[in-house]
C-alpha atoms as a PDB file:
ATOM      1  CA  MET A   1      13.480   9.293 -33.954  1.00  0.00           C
ATOM      2  CA  ARG A   2      15.654   7.246 -36.296  1.00  0.00           C
ATOM      3  CA  ALA A   3      19.308   8.235 -36.605  1.00  0.00           C
ATOM      4  CA  VAL A   4      18.861   8.881 -40.332  1.00  0.00           C
ATOM      5  CA  ASP A   5      15.962  11.261 -39.638  1.00  0.00           C
ATOM      6  CA  ARG A   6      18.054  13.084 -37.054  1.00  0.00           C
ATOM      7  CA  LEU A   7      20.900  13.389 -39.579  1.00  0.00           C
ATOM      8  CA  GLU A   8      18.539  14.971 -42.087  1.00  0.00           C
ATOM      9  CA  LEU A   9      17.207  17.478 -39.545  1.00  0.00           C
ATOM     10  CA  GLU A  10      20.621  18.463 -38.224  1.00  0.00           C
ATOM     11  CA  ASN A  11      22.102  18.832 -41.705  1.00  0.00           C
ATOM     12  CA  ALA A  12      19.316  20.920 -43.261  1.00  0.00           C
ATOM     13  CA  ALA A  13      21.467  24.043 -42.772  1.00  0.00           C
ATOM     14  CA  VAL A  14      24.478  22.355 -44.396  1.00  0.00           C
ATOM     15  CA  VAL A  15      22.435  21.473 -47.488  1.00  0.00           C
ATOM     16  CA  ALA A  16      21.119  25.041 -47.755  1.00  0.00           C
ATOM     17  CA  SER A  17      24.665  26.370 -47.432  1.00  0.00           C
ATOM     18  CA  ASP A  18      25.951  23.983 -50.097  1.00  0.00           C
ATOM     19  CA  ALA A  19      23.221  25.216 -52.460  1.00  0.00           C
ATOM     20  CA  GLY A  20      24.721  28.692 -52.248  1.00  0.00           C
ATOM     21  CA  GLU A  21      22.295  30.261 -49.805  1.00  0.00           C
ATOM     22  CA  GLY A  22      24.270  32.269 -47.317  1.00  0.00           C
ATOM     23  CA  ALA A  23      27.568  30.588 -48.138  1.00  0.00           C
ATOM     24  CA  SER A  24      30.598  32.534 -46.983  1.00  0.00           C
ATOM     25  CA  SER A  25      33.650  33.316 -49.083  1.00  0.00           C
ATOM     26  CA  GLY A  26      35.771  31.075 -46.816  1.00  0.00           C
ATOM     27  CA  GLY A  27      34.624  27.932 -48.615  1.00  0.00           C
ATOM     28  CA  GLY A  28      37.574  25.818 -47.482  1.00  0.00           C
ATOM     29  CA  LYS A  29      36.880  26.317 -43.792  1.00  0.00           C
ATOM     30  CA  ALA A  30      33.147  25.828 -44.319  1.00  0.00           C
ATOM     31  CA  ALA A  31      33.810  22.579 -46.172  1.00  0.00           C
ATOM     32  CA  GLU A  32      36.092  21.370 -43.367  1.00  0.00           C
ATOM     33  CA  ALA A  33      33.466  22.227 -40.750  1.00  0.00           C
ATOM     34  CA  SER A  34      30.775  20.561 -42.825  1.00  0.00           C
ATOM     35  CA  TRP A  35      32.890  17.404 -43.210  1.00  0.00           C
ATOM     36  CA  SER A  36      33.668  17.478 -39.494  1.00  0.00           C
ATOM     37  CA  ASP A  37      29.935  17.657 -38.738  1.00  0.00           C
ATOM     38  CA  ALA A  38      29.252  14.783 -41.140  1.00  0.00           C
ATOM     39  CA  MET A  39      31.932  12.640 -39.494  1.00  0.00           C
ATOM     40  CA  ARG A  40      30.610  13.426 -36.017  1.00  0.00           C
ATOM     41  CA  LEU A  41      27.072  12.474 -37.043  1.00  0.00           C
ATOM     42  CA  LEU A  42      28.270   9.321 -38.788  1.00  0.00           C
ATOM     43  CA  GLU A  43      30.170   8.317 -35.661  1.00  0.00           C
ATOM     44  CA  GLN A  44      27.018   8.872 -33.596  1.00  0.00           C
ATOM     45  CA  ALA A  45      24.968   6.785 -36.024  1.00  0.00           C
ATOM     46  CA  ALA A  46      27.614   4.040 -35.870  1.00  0.00           C
ATOM     47  CA  ALA A  47      27.542   4.088 -32.057  1.00  0.00           C
ATOM     48  CA  ILE A  48      23.736   3.774 -32.074  1.00  0.00           C
ATOM     49  CA  ALA A  49      23.866   0.934 -34.596  1.00  0.00           C
ATOM     50  CA  ALA A  50      26.575  -0.902 -32.641  1.00  0.00           C
ATOM     51  CA  ALA A  51      24.700  -0.473 -29.360  1.00  0.00           C
ATOM     52  CA  ARG A  52      21.622  -2.029 -30.957  1.00  0.00           C
ATOM     53  CA  GLY A  53      23.576  -4.958 -32.358  1.00  0.00           C
ATOM     54  CA  CYS A  54      23.474  -3.930 -36.011  1.00  0.00           C
ATOM     55  CA  ASP A  55      26.011  -5.843 -38.076  1.00  0.00           C
ATOM     56  CA  PRO A  56      28.597  -3.739 -39.989  1.00  0.00           C
ATOM     57  CA  GLN A  57      27.316  -4.699 -43.449  1.00  0.00           C
ATOM     58  CA  SER A  58      23.768  -3.619 -42.604  1.00  0.00           C
ATOM     59  CA  PHE A  59      25.069  -0.326 -41.223  1.00  0.00           C
ATOM     60  CA  THR A  60      27.151   0.273 -44.351  1.00  0.00           C
ATOM     61  CA  ASN A  61      24.197  -0.575 -46.598  1.00  0.00           C
ATOM     62  CA  ALA A  62      21.925   1.803 -44.677  1.00  0.00           C
ATOM     63  CA  ALA A  63      24.489   4.622 -44.805  1.00  0.00           C
ATOM     64  CA  PHE A  64      24.944   4.141 -48.546  1.00  0.00           C
ATOM     65  CA  ALA A  65      21.180   3.965 -49.110  1.00  0.00           C
ATOM     66  CA  ALA A  66      20.759   7.232 -47.196  1.00  0.00           C
ATOM     67  CA  TYR A  67      23.606   8.942 -49.093  1.00  0.00           C
ATOM     68  CA  VAL A  68      22.700   8.104 -52.695  1.00  0.00           C
ATOM     69  CA  PRO A  69      19.361   9.990 -52.860  1.00  0.00           C
ATOM     70  CA  LYS A  70      21.020  13.073 -51.369  1.00  0.00           C
ATOM     71  CA  ASN A  71      23.679  13.166 -54.113  1.00  0.00           C
ATOM     72  CA  PRO A  72      22.003  13.093 -57.563  1.00  0.00           C
ATOM     73  CA  GLY A  73      25.328  13.481 -59.383  1.00  0.00           C
ATOM     74  CA  PHE A  74      26.705  10.369 -57.717  1.00  0.00           C
ATOM     75  CA  ARG A  75      23.516   8.468 -58.473  1.00  0.00           C
ATOM     76  CA  GLN A  76      23.764   9.406 -62.175  1.00  0.00           C
ATOM     77  CA  TRP A  77      27.426   8.399 -62.302  1.00  0.00           C
ATOM     78  CA  LEU A  78      26.663   5.089 -60.588  1.00  0.00           C
ATOM     79  CA  GLU A  79      23.813   4.358 -63.008  1.00  0.00           C
ATOM     80  CA  ALA A  80      26.056   5.140 -65.998  1.00  0.00           C
ATOM     81  CA  VAL A  81      28.792   2.827 -64.697  1.00  0.00           C
ATOM     82  CA  GLN A  82      26.295   0.037 -64.093  1.00  0.00           C
ATOM     83  CA  LEU A  83      24.836   0.455 -67.587  1.00  0.00           C
ATOM     84  CA  THR A  84      28.304   0.402 -69.163  1.00  0.00           C
ATOM     85  CA  GLN A  85      29.239  -2.755 -67.272  1.00  0.00           C
ATOM     86  CA  ARG A  86      25.976  -4.456 -68.240  1.00  0.00           C
ATOM     87  CA  LEU A  87      26.459  -3.588 -71.926  1.00  0.00           C
ATOM     88  CA  GLU A  88      30.048  -4.842 -71.859  1.00  0.00           C
ATOM     89  CA  HIS A  89      28.839  -8.109 -70.301  1.00  0.00           C
ATOM     90  CA  LEU A  90      26.152  -8.540 -72.977  1.00  0.00           C
ATOM     91  CA  ARG A  91      28.706  -7.821 -75.717  1.00  0.00           C
ATOM     92  CA  ARG A  92      31.104 -10.429 -74.331  1.00  0.00           C
ATOM     93  CA  GLU A  93      28.249 -12.942 -74.404  1.00  0.00           C
ATOM     94  CA  GLY A  94      27.478 -11.988 -77.988  1.00  0.00           C
ATOM     95  CA  ARG A  95      23.965 -10.871 -77.110  1.00  0.00           C
ATOM     96  CA  VAL A  96      24.531  -7.232 -78.141  1.00  0.00           C
ATOM     97  CA  GLY A  97      26.454  -6.138 -81.221  1.00  0.00           C
ATOM     98  CA  VAL A  98      29.210  -3.562 -81.273  1.00  0.00           C
ATOM     99  CA  ALA A  99      28.434  -0.513 -83.387  1.00  0.00           C
END
């Protein structure tokens, strides 16, 4: 089983809790525990990657690629930033007018 698949299986309960199902009123402690779990799993994934000779950039790329689909809000923000930067570049080149 790939480390990413194991992360998804182990964190299914965290995702359900974040969606509001069965979340307790002690949100701060739950968030800390959730972050602690995420860090533990990330450390395990890093140890597996290092043991198999994965270079740091590939590990970082894989972690980012696994994270983005799980966070639609971040994906939308990232797409908006990229679009804004592309439009600004085209405007500087004179290929797109300013309205």
